[in-house]
């Protein structure tokens, strides 16, 4: 079974890309959705997050805005939160991978916003990065409620740059040229990996450069 990591900076179109993989029949584990479950009513992280950030519970669930304000521009507080959530998300991923392996799936996707930042790419056979021009990213972000240029700057400072993610990627998926264009690129990625699965594949570290035909020469988005 080939594990494809899917990542990209905020507002680059990763959620839309995940939906396209699902439409092609590829199982996807969504790390953000796992976090929402963990922080929701009865979620496995509620008690630990409340202990670390007292007063963050509302109606039995963690209030996202309250915690976001506590960790905004406070890297130590952010590390405490990540120290609680990341191990639980990884455990959820392992359950997903176990289920997929038992089903006999040949390709699965791990949708992880901070894949490179947390070292999760080392557990993937290949990585696809969604990317769009910075002005497109900024426009998308400013449409979100409560988003400001200051907050965008802070978010970008916490993430690996788009340029660096593109450099490290096995596949680049542009999301700024229309949904049809993006879908064609994702279909090419799926077909390529499924073909490789039939041939047999080795670890990602021994296959660097294997996907250069799909990566290099791509438009920025």
N, C-alpha and C. Protein backbone atom coordinates (compact mmCIF):
# COMPACT_ATOMS: atom_id res chain seq x y z
N UNK A 1 0.84 -1.20 0.00
CA UNK A 1 0.00 0.00 0.00
C UNK A 1 0.88 1.24 0.00
N UNK A 2 0.63 2.15 -0.94
CA UNK A 2 1.39 3.40 -1.02
C UNK A 2 0.69 4.46 -0.19
N UNK A 3 1.46 5.15 0.65
CA UNK A 3 0.95 6.23 1.49
C UNK A 3 1.43 7.55 0.90
N UNK A 4 0.49 8.35 0.43
CA UNK A 4 0.80 9.66 -0.13
C UNK A 4 0.48 10.74 0.89
N UNK A 5 1.47 11.53 1.27
CA UNK A 5 1.23 12.67 2.13
C UNK A 5 0.75 13.84 1.29
N UNK A 6 -0.30 14.51 1.75
CA UNK A 6 -0.83 15.68 1.07
C UNK A 6 -0.72 16.88 2.00
N UNK A 7 -0.03 17.92 1.55
CA UNK A 7 0.18 19.07 2.42
C UNK A 7 0.24 20.35 1.60
N UNK A 8 0.43 21.45 2.28
CA UNK A 8 0.49 22.75 1.64
C UNK A 8 0.23 23.82 2.67
N UNK A 9 0.64 25.02 2.38
CA UNK A 9 0.42 26.13 3.30
C UNK A 9 -1.07 26.45 3.40
N UNK A 10 -1.42 27.21 4.40
CA UNK A 10 -2.82 27.56 4.64
C UNK A 10 -3.43 28.24 3.40
N UNK A 11 -4.69 27.89 3.12
CA UNK A 11 -5.48 28.50 2.04
C UNK A 11 -4.91 28.22 0.64
N UNK A 12 -4.16 27.14 0.51
CA UNK A 12 -3.63 26.78 -0.80
C UNK A 12 -4.57 25.85 -1.57
N UNK A 13 -5.66 25.40 -0.95
CA UNK A 13 -6.62 24.55 -1.64
C UNK A 13 -6.51 23.08 -1.30
N UNK A 14 -5.95 22.78 -0.14
CA UNK A 14 -5.73 21.38 0.23
C UNK A 14 -7.05 20.63 0.46
N UNK A 15 -8.02 21.28 1.05
CA UNK A 15 -9.30 20.61 1.30
C UNK A 15 -9.99 20.24 -0.01
N UNK A 16 -9.93 21.15 -0.98
CA UNK A 16 -10.52 20.85 -2.29
C UNK A 16 -9.77 19.70 -2.95
N UNK A 17 -8.45 19.69 -2.81
CA UNK A 17 -7.65 18.60 -3.39
C UNK A 17 -8.01 17.27 -2.73
N UNK A 18 -8.18 17.28 -1.42
CA UNK A 18 -8.57 16.05 -0.71
C UNK A 18 -9.89 15.50 -1.25
N UNK A 19 -10.85 16.40 -1.47
CA UNK A 19 -12.14 15.97 -2.00
C UNK A 19 -11.98 15.34 -3.38
N UNK A 20 -11.05 15.87 -4.17
CA UNK A 20 -10.83 15.30 -5.50
C UNK A 20 -10.22 13.91 -5.42
N UNK A 21 -9.30 13.70 -4.48
CA UNK A 21 -8.77 12.34 -4.28
C UNK A 21 -9.90 11.39 -3.90
N UNK A 22 -10.79 11.83 -3.02
CA UNK A 22 -11.91 10.97 -2.61
C UNK A 22 -12.80 10.65 -3.81
N UNK A 23 -13.05 11.64 -4.66
CA UNK A 23 -13.89 11.41 -5.84
C UNK A 23 -13.27 10.36 -6.75
N UNK A 24 -11.96 10.22 -6.70
CA UNK A 24 -11.27 9.22 -7.50
C UNK A 24 -11.16 7.88 -6.77
N UNK A 25 -11.82 7.78 -5.61
CA UNK A 25 -11.86 6.52 -4.88
C UNK A 25 -10.69 6.27 -3.97
N UNK A 26 -9.90 7.31 -3.68
CA UNK A 26 -8.73 7.14 -2.80
C UNK A 26 -9.13 7.50 -1.37
N UNK A 27 -8.95 6.59 -0.41
CA UNK A 27 -9.25 6.91 0.99
C UNK A 27 -8.33 8.01 1.51
N UNK A 28 -8.91 8.97 2.24
CA UNK A 28 -8.15 10.11 2.76
C UNK A 28 -8.35 10.22 4.26
N UNK A 29 -7.24 10.35 4.99
CA UNK A 29 -7.31 10.69 6.41
C UNK A 29 -7.04 12.18 6.55
N UNK A 30 -7.99 12.89 7.13
CA UNK A 30 -7.91 14.35 7.28
C UNK A 30 -7.49 14.68 8.70
N UNK A 31 -6.26 15.19 8.86
CA UNK A 31 -5.75 15.50 10.19
C UNK A 31 -6.56 16.60 10.86
N UNK A 32 -7.01 17.60 10.09
CA UNK A 32 -7.82 18.68 10.67
C UNK A 32 -9.14 18.14 11.20
N UNK A 33 -9.76 17.22 10.45
CA UNK A 33 -11.02 16.63 10.91
C UNK A 33 -10.79 15.82 12.19
N UNK A 34 -9.64 15.14 12.26
CA UNK A 34 -9.32 14.39 13.47
C UNK A 34 -9.18 15.33 14.67
N UNK A 35 -8.56 16.48 14.46
CA UNK A 35 -8.41 17.46 15.54
C UNK A 35 -9.78 17.95 16.00
N UNK A 36 -10.67 18.21 15.05
CA UNK A 36 -12.02 18.66 15.42
C UNK A 36 -12.73 17.61 16.26
N UNK A 37 -12.57 16.33 15.91
CA UNK A 37 -13.18 15.28 16.71
C UNK A 37 -12.57 15.23 18.10
N UNK A 38 -11.26 15.37 18.17
CA UNK A 38 -10.57 15.31 19.46
C UNK A 38 -10.96 16.45 20.38
N UNK A 39 -11.28 17.60 19.79
CA UNK A 39 -11.63 18.78 20.59
C UNK A 39 -13.13 18.94 20.78
N UNK A 40 -13.91 18.10 20.10
CA UNK A 40 -15.36 18.18 20.22
C UNK A 40 -15.88 17.54 21.50
N UNK A 41 -17.17 17.63 21.68
CA UNK A 41 -17.79 17.07 22.89
C UNK A 41 -17.43 15.59 23.04
N UNK A 42 -16.85 15.24 24.17
CA UNK A 42 -16.44 13.87 24.41
C UNK A 42 -15.15 13.47 23.73
N UNK A 43 -14.47 14.43 23.08
CA UNK A 43 -13.24 14.13 22.35
C UNK A 43 -12.09 13.79 23.27
N UNK A 44 -11.15 13.01 22.75
CA UNK A 44 -10.05 12.51 23.55
C UNK A 44 -9.05 13.54 24.03
N UNK A 45 -9.10 14.76 23.47
CA UNK A 45 -8.15 15.79 23.88
C UNK A 45 -8.76 16.87 24.77
N UNK A 46 -10.06 16.80 25.01
CA UNK A 46 -10.74 17.88 25.73
C UNK A 46 -10.16 18.10 27.12
N UNK A 47 -10.00 17.02 27.89
CA UNK A 47 -9.50 17.15 29.25
C UNK A 47 -8.09 17.71 29.31
N UNK A 48 -7.21 17.20 28.44
CA UNK A 48 -5.82 17.64 28.45
C UNK A 48 -5.69 19.10 28.02
N UNK A 49 -6.49 19.51 27.02
CA UNK A 49 -6.42 20.90 26.56
C UNK A 49 -6.98 21.84 27.62
N UNK A 50 -8.06 21.45 28.28
CA UNK A 50 -8.61 22.28 29.36
C UNK A 50 -7.61 22.43 30.50
N UNK A 51 -6.88 21.35 30.81
CA UNK A 51 -5.88 21.42 31.88
C UNK A 51 -4.74 22.37 31.49
N UNK A 52 -4.36 22.36 30.23
CA UNK A 52 -3.27 23.22 29.76
C UNK A 52 -3.73 24.66 29.56
N UNK A 53 -5.01 24.83 29.20
CA UNK A 53 -5.56 26.17 28.92
C UNK A 53 -6.89 26.30 29.66
N UNK A 54 -6.86 26.51 30.97
CA UNK A 54 -8.09 26.57 31.77
C UNK A 54 -9.08 27.59 31.21
N UNK A 55 -10.35 27.19 31.23
CA UNK A 55 -11.40 28.08 30.74
C UNK A 55 -11.67 27.96 29.27
N UNK A 56 -11.13 26.93 28.63
CA UNK A 56 -11.30 26.80 27.18
C UNK A 56 -12.49 25.93 26.79
N UNK A 57 -13.17 25.32 27.76
CA UNK A 57 -14.32 24.46 27.45
C UNK A 57 -15.60 25.29 27.36
N UNK A 58 -16.38 25.00 26.33
CA UNK A 58 -17.72 25.59 26.17
C UNK A 58 -18.67 24.46 25.79
N UNK A 59 -19.68 24.24 26.61
CA UNK A 59 -20.67 23.20 26.33
C UNK A 59 -20.04 21.83 26.11
N UNK A 60 -19.03 21.50 26.88
CA UNK A 60 -18.42 20.19 26.83
C UNK A 60 -17.38 20.00 25.75
N UNK A 61 -17.13 21.03 24.94
CA UNK A 61 -16.13 20.95 23.88
C UNK A 61 -15.14 22.11 24.03
N UNK A 62 -14.00 21.98 23.39
CA UNK A 62 -13.02 23.05 23.41
C UNK A 62 -13.46 24.15 22.46
N UNK A 63 -13.47 25.38 22.95
CA UNK A 63 -13.80 26.53 22.11
C UNK A 63 -12.55 26.91 21.31
N UNK A 64 -12.61 26.71 20.01
CA UNK A 64 -11.44 26.90 19.16
C UNK A 64 -10.92 28.34 19.20
N UNK A 65 -11.84 29.30 19.21
CA UNK A 65 -11.41 30.70 19.19
C UNK A 65 -10.70 31.07 20.48
N UNK A 66 -11.17 30.54 21.60
CA UNK A 66 -10.52 30.82 22.88
C UNK A 66 -9.09 30.32 22.88
N UNK A 67 -8.90 29.07 22.43
CA UNK A 67 -7.55 28.50 22.41
C UNK A 67 -6.69 29.21 21.37
N UNK A 68 -7.28 29.56 20.23
CA UNK A 68 -6.51 30.26 19.19
C UNK A 68 -5.95 31.58 19.73
N UNK A 69 -6.73 32.27 20.50
CA UNK A 69 -6.26 33.54 21.08
C UNK A 69 -5.13 33.30 22.08
N UNK A 70 -5.19 32.18 22.78
CA UNK A 70 -4.15 31.88 23.79
C UNK A 70 -2.82 31.55 23.14
N UNK A 71 -2.87 30.91 21.97
CA UNK A 71 -1.61 30.49 21.34
C UNK A 71 -1.12 31.48 20.28
N UNK A 72 -1.97 32.47 19.94
CA UNK A 72 -1.58 33.44 18.91
C UNK A 72 -0.36 34.23 19.38
N UNK A 73 0.70 34.16 18.59
CA UNK A 73 1.97 34.85 18.89
C UNK A 73 2.62 34.37 20.18
N UNK A 74 2.27 33.16 20.65
CA UNK A 74 2.90 32.58 21.84
C UNK A 74 3.37 31.18 21.45
N UNK A 75 4.62 31.08 21.02
CA UNK A 75 5.13 29.82 20.50
C UNK A 75 5.18 28.72 21.56
N UNK A 76 5.45 29.09 22.81
CA UNK A 76 5.48 28.09 23.87
C UNK A 76 4.09 27.50 24.10
N UNK A 77 3.08 28.36 24.09
CA UNK A 77 1.71 27.88 24.25
C UNK A 77 1.32 27.00 23.07
N UNK A 78 1.73 27.39 21.88
CA UNK A 78 1.44 26.58 20.70
C UNK A 78 2.09 25.21 20.80
N UNK A 79 3.33 25.16 21.29
CA UNK A 79 4.01 23.88 21.45
C UNK A 79 3.29 22.99 22.46
N UNK A 80 2.76 23.58 23.52
CA UNK A 80 2.00 22.78 24.49
C UNK A 80 0.78 22.17 23.83
N UNK A 81 0.09 22.97 23.03
CA UNK A 81 -1.11 22.47 22.35
C UNK A 81 -0.74 21.36 21.37
N UNK A 82 0.31 21.58 20.59
CA UNK A 82 0.74 20.57 19.62
C UNK A 82 1.19 19.30 20.32
N UNK A 83 1.82 19.44 21.49
CA UNK A 83 2.27 18.28 22.24
C UNK A 83 1.12 17.40 22.70
N UNK A 84 -0.05 17.99 22.86
CA UNK A 84 -1.25 17.23 23.21
C UNK A 84 -1.87 16.59 21.98
N UNK A 85 -2.00 17.39 20.92
CA UNK A 85 -2.78 16.96 19.75
C UNK A 85 -2.04 16.03 18.80
N UNK A 86 -0.78 16.32 18.53
CA UNK A 86 -0.07 15.56 17.50
C UNK A 86 0.01 14.06 17.78
N UNK A 87 0.34 13.62 19.00
CA UNK A 87 0.36 12.17 19.25
C UNK A 87 -1.01 11.52 19.05
N UNK A 88 -2.08 12.23 19.42
CA UNK A 88 -3.42 11.67 19.26
C UNK A 88 -3.82 11.58 17.80
N UNK A 89 -3.42 12.57 17.01
CA UNK A 89 -3.71 12.53 15.58
C UNK A 89 -2.93 11.39 14.92
N UNK A 90 -1.67 11.22 15.31
CA UNK A 90 -0.88 10.12 14.73
C UNK A 90 -1.50 8.76 15.06
N UNK A 91 -2.02 8.63 16.26
CA UNK A 91 -2.69 7.38 16.64
C UNK A 91 -3.92 7.14 15.76
N UNK A 92 -4.67 8.21 15.49
CA UNK A 92 -5.83 8.11 14.63
C UNK A 92 -5.41 7.73 13.21
N UNK A 93 -4.29 8.30 12.73
CA UNK A 93 -3.76 7.93 11.42
C UNK A 93 -3.42 6.45 11.35
N UNK A 94 -2.79 5.94 12.39
CA UNK A 94 -2.40 4.53 12.39
C UNK A 94 -3.62 3.61 12.32
N UNK A 95 -4.69 3.99 13.00
CA UNK A 95 -5.92 3.19 12.91
C UNK A 95 -6.46 3.22 11.48
N UNK A 96 -6.42 4.40 10.86
CA UNK A 96 -6.86 4.54 9.47
C UNK A 96 -6.02 3.67 8.54
N UNK A 97 -4.70 3.71 8.71
CA UNK A 97 -3.82 2.92 7.85
C UNK A 97 -4.03 1.43 8.06
N UNK A 98 -4.25 1.03 9.30
CA UNK A 98 -4.50 -0.38 9.58
C UNK A 98 -5.76 -0.87 8.90
N UNK A 99 -6.82 -0.05 8.96
CA UNK A 99 -8.08 -0.41 8.30
C UNK A 99 -7.90 -0.51 6.78
N UNK A 100 -7.16 0.47 6.22
CA UNK A 100 -6.93 0.47 4.77
C UNK A 100 -6.13 -0.75 4.33
N UNK A 101 -5.13 -1.12 5.13
CA UNK A 101 -4.31 -2.28 4.79
C UNK A 101 -5.14 -3.56 4.82
N UNK A 102 -6.01 -3.68 5.81
CA UNK A 102 -6.85 -4.87 5.89
C UNK A 102 -7.84 -4.95 4.72
N UNK A 103 -8.26 -3.78 4.21
CA UNK A 103 -9.16 -3.76 3.06
C UNK A 103 -8.42 -4.10 1.77
N UNK A 104 -7.11 -3.99 1.78
CA UNK A 104 -6.34 -4.24 0.57
C UNK A 104 -6.20 -3.02 -0.32
N UNK A 105 -6.35 -1.81 0.24
CA UNK A 105 -6.21 -0.60 -0.56
C UNK A 105 -4.78 -0.48 -1.08
N UNK A 106 -4.64 -0.03 -2.32
CA UNK A 106 -3.31 0.11 -2.91
C UNK A 106 -2.74 1.51 -2.72
N UNK A 107 -3.61 2.51 -2.47
CA UNK A 107 -3.17 3.91 -2.31
C UNK A 107 -4.06 4.60 -1.30
N UNK A 108 -3.45 5.30 -0.35
CA UNK A 108 -4.20 6.12 0.60
C UNK A 108 -3.49 7.47 0.72
N UNK A 109 -4.24 8.45 1.21
CA UNK A 109 -3.71 9.81 1.38
C UNK A 109 -3.81 10.22 2.84
N UNK A 110 -2.71 10.79 3.35
CA UNK A 110 -2.70 11.43 4.66
C UNK A 110 -2.67 12.94 4.44
N UNK A 111 -3.79 13.60 4.70
CA UNK A 111 -3.93 15.04 4.53
C UNK A 111 -3.48 15.71 5.84
N UNK A 112 -2.29 16.32 5.81
CA UNK A 112 -1.68 16.88 7.03
C UNK A 112 -1.15 18.28 6.73
N UNK A 113 -1.73 19.33 7.31
CA UNK A 113 -1.26 20.69 7.03
C UNK A 113 0.22 20.90 7.35
N UNK A 114 0.69 20.36 8.46
CA UNK A 114 2.07 20.58 8.90
C UNK A 114 2.90 19.31 8.72
N UNK A 115 2.74 18.66 7.60
CA UNK A 115 3.41 17.38 7.36
C UNK A 115 4.93 17.53 7.47
N UNK A 116 5.51 18.48 6.76
CA UNK A 116 6.96 18.67 6.80
C UNK A 116 7.41 19.21 8.15
N UNK A 117 6.64 20.13 8.71
CA UNK A 117 7.04 20.76 9.97
C UNK A 117 7.11 19.76 11.13
N UNK A 118 6.30 18.70 11.06
CA UNK A 118 6.28 17.70 12.12
C UNK A 118 7.07 16.44 11.77
N UNK A 119 7.71 16.41 10.60
CA UNK A 119 8.48 15.24 10.20
C UNK A 119 7.64 14.09 9.71
N UNK A 120 6.34 14.33 9.48
CA UNK A 120 5.46 13.26 9.04
C UNK A 120 5.75 12.76 7.64
N UNK A 121 6.48 13.55 6.85
CA UNK A 121 6.80 13.12 5.48
C UNK A 121 7.68 11.87 5.47
N UNK A 122 8.44 11.64 6.55
CA UNK A 122 9.30 10.46 6.61
C UNK A 122 8.50 9.16 6.67
N UNK A 123 7.22 9.26 7.02
CA UNK A 123 6.37 8.08 7.10
C UNK A 123 5.53 7.89 5.84
N UNK A 124 5.80 8.71 4.81
CA UNK A 124 5.05 8.63 3.56
C UNK A 124 5.94 8.11 2.45
N UNK A 125 5.34 7.43 1.48
CA UNK A 125 6.09 6.94 0.33
C UNK A 125 6.32 8.05 -0.69
N UNK A 126 5.45 9.05 -0.70
CA UNK A 126 5.59 10.22 -1.57
C UNK A 126 4.79 11.35 -0.95
N UNK A 127 5.10 12.58 -1.37
CA UNK A 127 4.40 13.75 -0.85
C UNK A 127 3.95 14.62 -2.01
N UNK A 128 2.69 15.05 -1.95
CA UNK A 128 2.14 16.01 -2.91
C UNK A 128 1.87 17.32 -2.19
N UNK A 129 2.30 18.41 -2.78
CA UNK A 129 2.11 19.74 -2.19
C UNK A 129 1.14 20.54 -3.06
N UNK A 130 0.09 21.05 -2.44
CA UNK A 130 -0.82 21.94 -3.15
C UNK A 130 -0.26 23.36 -3.07
N UNK A 131 -0.39 24.10 -4.15
CA UNK A 131 0.27 25.40 -4.21
C UNK A 131 -0.52 26.37 -5.08
N UNK A 132 -0.49 27.64 -4.68
CA UNK A 132 -1.10 28.71 -5.46
C UNK A 132 -0.25 29.97 -5.25
N UNK A 133 -0.34 30.94 -6.14
CA UNK A 133 0.42 32.18 -5.95
C UNK A 133 0.05 32.86 -4.64
N UNK A 134 0.99 33.61 -4.07
CA UNK A 134 0.77 34.24 -2.77
C UNK A 134 -0.42 35.19 -2.78
N UNK A 135 -0.63 35.91 -3.88
CA UNK A 135 -1.76 36.85 -3.91
C UNK A 135 -3.10 36.10 -3.87
N UNK A 136 -3.14 34.91 -4.49
CA UNK A 136 -4.35 34.10 -4.43
C UNK A 136 -4.56 33.60 -3.00
N UNK A 137 -3.48 33.15 -2.37
CA UNK A 137 -3.57 32.69 -0.98
C UNK A 137 -4.08 33.81 -0.08
N UNK A 138 -3.53 35.01 -0.24
CA UNK A 138 -3.94 36.15 0.59
C UNK A 138 -5.41 36.48 0.40
N UNK A 139 -5.87 36.48 -0.85
CA UNK A 139 -7.28 36.77 -1.13
C UNK A 139 -8.18 35.74 -0.46
N UNK A 140 -7.80 34.47 -0.53
CA UNK A 140 -8.60 33.42 0.10
C UNK A 140 -8.66 33.61 1.61
N UNK A 141 -7.51 33.94 2.21
CA UNK A 141 -7.46 34.11 3.66
C UNK A 141 -8.30 35.29 4.13
N UNK A 142 -8.24 36.39 3.41
CA UNK A 142 -8.96 37.59 3.83
C UNK A 142 -10.47 37.42 3.73
N UNK A 143 -10.93 36.39 3.01
CA UNK A 143 -12.37 36.11 2.98
C UNK A 143 -12.83 35.38 4.23
N UNK A 144 -11.87 34.90 5.04
CA UNK A 144 -12.24 34.19 6.26
C UNK A 144 -12.57 35.18 7.38
N UNK A 145 -13.57 34.84 8.15
CA UNK A 145 -14.01 35.72 9.22
C UNK A 145 -12.90 35.95 10.24
N UNK A 146 -12.66 37.21 10.60
CA UNK A 146 -11.69 37.55 11.62
C UNK A 146 -10.25 37.56 11.14
N UNK A 147 -10.02 37.29 9.86
CA UNK A 147 -8.65 37.25 9.35
C UNK A 147 -8.16 38.66 9.04
N UNK A 148 -6.92 38.93 9.41
CA UNK A 148 -6.29 40.22 9.16
C UNK A 148 -4.92 39.99 8.54
N UNK A 149 -4.33 41.06 8.00
CA UNK A 149 -2.99 40.93 7.44
C UNK A 149 -1.99 40.55 8.54
N UNK A 150 -2.19 41.08 9.75
CA UNK A 150 -1.29 40.73 10.86
C UNK A 150 -1.37 39.25 11.18
N UNK A 151 -2.58 38.72 11.19
CA UNK A 151 -2.74 37.30 11.50
C UNK A 151 -2.16 36.43 10.39
N UNK A 152 -2.33 36.85 9.14
CA UNK A 152 -1.74 36.11 8.03
C UNK A 152 -0.23 36.06 8.17
N UNK A 153 0.38 37.19 8.52
CA UNK A 153 1.83 37.23 8.70
C UNK A 153 2.28 36.28 9.80
N UNK A 154 1.52 36.24 10.90
CA UNK A 154 1.86 35.35 12.01
C UNK A 154 1.74 33.88 11.59
N UNK A 155 0.67 33.54 10.87
CA UNK A 155 0.47 32.17 10.43
C UNK A 155 1.60 31.73 9.50
N UNK A 156 1.96 32.60 8.57
CA UNK A 156 3.03 32.26 7.64
C UNK A 156 4.36 32.05 8.36
N UNK A 157 4.58 32.78 9.43
CA UNK A 157 5.84 32.65 10.16
C UNK A 157 5.97 31.31 10.85
N UNK A 158 4.84 30.63 11.08
CA UNK A 158 4.84 29.34 11.78
C UNK A 158 4.92 28.16 10.81
N UNK A 159 4.78 28.42 9.51
CA UNK A 159 4.77 27.35 8.53
C UNK A 159 5.99 27.43 7.62
N UNK A 160 6.43 26.29 7.16
CA UNK A 160 7.47 26.25 6.14
C UNK A 160 6.95 26.97 4.91
N UNK A 161 7.81 27.68 4.21
CA UNK A 161 7.37 28.47 3.07
C UNK A 161 6.87 27.57 1.93
N UNK A 162 6.02 28.16 1.10
CA UNK A 162 5.51 27.44 -0.07
C UNK A 162 6.67 27.03 -0.98
N UNK A 163 7.64 27.91 -1.16
CA UNK A 163 8.79 27.60 -2.02
C UNK A 163 9.54 26.37 -1.53
N UNK A 164 9.75 26.28 -0.20
CA UNK A 164 10.48 25.15 0.36
C UNK A 164 9.67 23.86 0.25
N UNK A 165 8.37 23.96 0.47
CA UNK A 165 7.53 22.76 0.34
C UNK A 165 7.52 22.26 -1.11
N UNK A 166 7.46 23.19 -2.05
CA UNK A 166 7.50 22.81 -3.45
C UNK A 166 8.83 22.14 -3.79
N UNK A 167 9.90 22.66 -3.21
CA UNK A 167 11.23 22.10 -3.49
C UNK A 167 11.32 20.66 -3.00
N UNK A 168 10.72 20.37 -1.86
CA UNK A 168 10.81 19.04 -1.27
C UNK A 168 9.82 18.04 -1.86
N UNK A 169 8.80 18.54 -2.52
CA UNK A 169 7.68 17.68 -2.95
C UNK A 169 8.08 16.68 -4.03
N UNK A 170 7.39 15.55 -4.03
CA UNK A 170 7.47 14.60 -5.14
C UNK A 170 6.50 15.00 -6.24
N UNK A 171 5.36 15.56 -5.84
CA UNK A 171 4.36 16.06 -6.78
C UNK A 171 3.95 17.46 -6.36
N UNK A 172 3.69 18.33 -7.33
CA UNK A 172 3.13 19.65 -7.06
C UNK A 172 1.76 19.72 -7.72
N UNK A 173 0.77 20.13 -6.94
CA UNK A 173 -0.61 20.22 -7.43
C UNK A 173 -1.02 21.69 -7.43
N UNK A 174 -1.03 22.34 -8.59
CA UNK A 174 -1.45 23.74 -8.65
C UNK A 174 -2.95 23.88 -8.42
N UNK A 175 -3.36 24.89 -7.64
CA UNK A 175 -4.78 25.09 -7.34
C UNK A 175 -5.25 26.48 -7.73
N UNK A 176 -4.44 27.22 -8.47
CA UNK A 176 -4.83 28.57 -8.85
C UNK A 176 -5.22 28.71 -10.30
N UNK A 177 -5.36 27.60 -11.01
CA UNK A 177 -5.67 27.65 -12.44
C UNK A 177 -7.01 27.00 -12.77
N UNK A 178 -7.86 26.87 -11.77
CA UNK A 178 -9.18 26.29 -11.99
C UNK A 178 -9.27 24.85 -11.53
N UNK A 179 -10.49 24.45 -11.14
CA UNK A 179 -10.70 23.12 -10.58
C UNK A 179 -10.44 22.02 -11.61
N UNK A 180 -10.78 22.25 -12.86
CA UNK A 180 -10.56 21.22 -13.88
C UNK A 180 -9.07 20.93 -14.04
N UNK A 181 -8.25 21.99 -14.04
CA UNK A 181 -6.81 21.81 -14.17
C UNK A 181 -6.27 21.02 -12.97
N UNK A 182 -6.72 21.40 -11.77
CA UNK A 182 -6.28 20.69 -10.57
C UNK A 182 -6.69 19.23 -10.60
N UNK A 183 -7.91 18.97 -11.03
CA UNK A 183 -8.40 17.59 -11.09
C UNK A 183 -7.56 16.76 -12.06
N UNK A 184 -7.17 17.34 -13.17
CA UNK A 184 -6.34 16.59 -14.13
C UNK A 184 -5.00 16.24 -13.51
N UNK A 185 -4.41 17.17 -12.76
CA UNK A 185 -3.13 16.91 -12.11
C UNK A 185 -3.26 15.82 -11.06
N UNK A 186 -4.33 15.87 -10.29
CA UNK A 186 -4.53 14.85 -9.25
C UNK A 186 -4.78 13.48 -9.88
N UNK A 187 -5.54 13.46 -10.95
CA UNK A 187 -5.77 12.19 -11.65
C UNK A 187 -4.44 11.61 -12.14
N UNK A 188 -3.54 12.47 -12.64
CA UNK A 188 -2.23 12.00 -13.10
C UNK A 188 -1.42 11.43 -11.94
N UNK A 189 -1.50 12.07 -10.78
CA UNK A 189 -0.79 11.58 -9.59
C UNK A 189 -1.32 10.21 -9.20
N UNK A 190 -2.64 10.07 -9.14
CA UNK A 190 -3.25 8.80 -8.74
C UNK A 190 -2.88 7.69 -9.72
N UNK A 191 -2.97 7.98 -11.00
CA UNK A 191 -2.64 6.96 -12.01
C UNK A 191 -1.17 6.55 -11.91
N UNK A 192 -0.30 7.52 -11.68
CA UNK A 192 1.12 7.22 -11.59
C UNK A 192 1.42 6.33 -10.38
N UNK A 193 0.84 6.67 -9.24
CA UNK A 193 1.12 5.89 -8.03
C UNK A 193 0.48 4.50 -8.08
N UNK A 194 -0.70 4.41 -8.66
CA UNK A 194 -1.32 3.09 -8.77
C UNK A 194 -0.54 2.20 -9.73
N UNK A 195 0.01 2.81 -10.78
CA UNK A 195 0.86 2.03 -11.70
C UNK A 195 2.11 1.56 -10.98
N UNK A 196 2.68 2.43 -10.14
CA UNK A 196 3.88 2.05 -9.40
C UNK A 196 3.56 0.95 -8.40
N UNK A 197 2.36 1.01 -7.81
CA UNK A 197 1.97 -0.01 -6.85
C UNK A 197 1.94 -1.38 -7.52
N UNK A 198 1.48 -1.44 -8.77
CA UNK A 198 1.44 -2.71 -9.49
C UNK A 198 2.85 -3.23 -9.79
N UNK A 199 3.77 -2.28 -10.01
CA UNK A 199 5.15 -2.67 -10.30
C UNK A 199 5.92 -3.05 -9.05
N UNK A 200 5.41 -2.60 -7.89
CA UNK A 200 6.16 -2.73 -6.65
C UNK A 200 6.95 -1.46 -6.44
N UNK A 201 7.15 -1.07 -5.18
CA UNK A 201 7.84 0.18 -4.93
C UNK A 201 8.75 0.03 -3.73
N UNK A 202 9.75 0.91 -3.68
CA UNK A 202 10.69 0.93 -2.57
C UNK A 202 10.41 2.13 -1.69
N UNK A 203 11.19 2.32 -0.67
CA UNK A 203 10.95 3.43 0.25
C UNK A 203 11.17 4.75 -0.46
N UNK A 204 10.53 5.78 0.06
CA UNK A 204 10.61 7.10 -0.57
C UNK A 204 12.04 7.61 -0.63
N UNK A 205 12.80 7.39 0.41
CA UNK A 205 14.16 7.94 0.46
C UNK A 205 15.03 7.39 -0.66
N UNK A 206 14.73 6.17 -1.13
CA UNK A 206 15.53 5.59 -2.20
C UNK A 206 14.99 5.93 -3.58
N UNK A 207 13.89 6.74 -3.61
CA UNK A 207 13.25 7.01 -4.89
C UNK A 207 13.22 8.50 -5.21
N UNK A 208 14.04 9.32 -4.55
CA UNK A 208 14.01 10.76 -4.81
C UNK A 208 14.26 11.03 -6.28
N UNK A 209 13.48 11.94 -6.85
CA UNK A 209 13.61 12.28 -8.25
C UNK A 209 12.78 11.41 -9.17
N UNK A 210 12.14 10.36 -8.63
CA UNK A 210 11.37 9.44 -9.46
C UNK A 210 10.23 10.15 -10.17
N UNK A 211 9.67 11.20 -9.54
CA UNK A 211 8.49 11.86 -10.07
C UNK A 211 8.82 13.17 -10.78
N UNK A 212 10.07 13.34 -11.20
CA UNK A 212 10.49 14.62 -11.76
C UNK A 212 9.66 15.03 -12.98
N UNK A 213 9.15 14.08 -13.71
CA UNK A 213 8.35 14.42 -14.88
C UNK A 213 7.07 15.12 -14.53
N UNK A 214 6.53 14.85 -13.34
CA UNK A 214 5.31 15.51 -12.91
C UNK A 214 5.59 16.75 -12.09
N UNK A 215 6.79 16.84 -11.52
CA UNK A 215 7.09 17.96 -10.63
C UNK A 215 7.70 19.13 -11.37
N UNK A 216 8.78 18.92 -12.08
CA UNK A 216 9.51 20.02 -12.67
C UNK A 216 8.79 20.56 -13.90
N UNK A 217 8.92 21.86 -14.08
CA UNK A 217 8.29 22.50 -15.22
C UNK A 217 6.83 22.85 -14.98
N UNK A 218 6.32 22.60 -13.77
CA UNK A 218 4.94 22.95 -13.47
C UNK A 218 4.81 24.47 -13.36
N UNK A 219 3.66 25.05 -13.78
CA UNK A 219 3.41 26.45 -13.48
C UNK A 219 3.28 26.62 -11.99
N UNK A 220 3.53 27.82 -11.47
CA UNK A 220 3.42 28.00 -10.01
C UNK A 220 2.04 27.70 -9.53
N UNK A 221 1.03 28.04 -10.27
CA UNK A 221 -0.36 27.64 -9.98
C UNK A 221 -1.30 28.48 -10.81
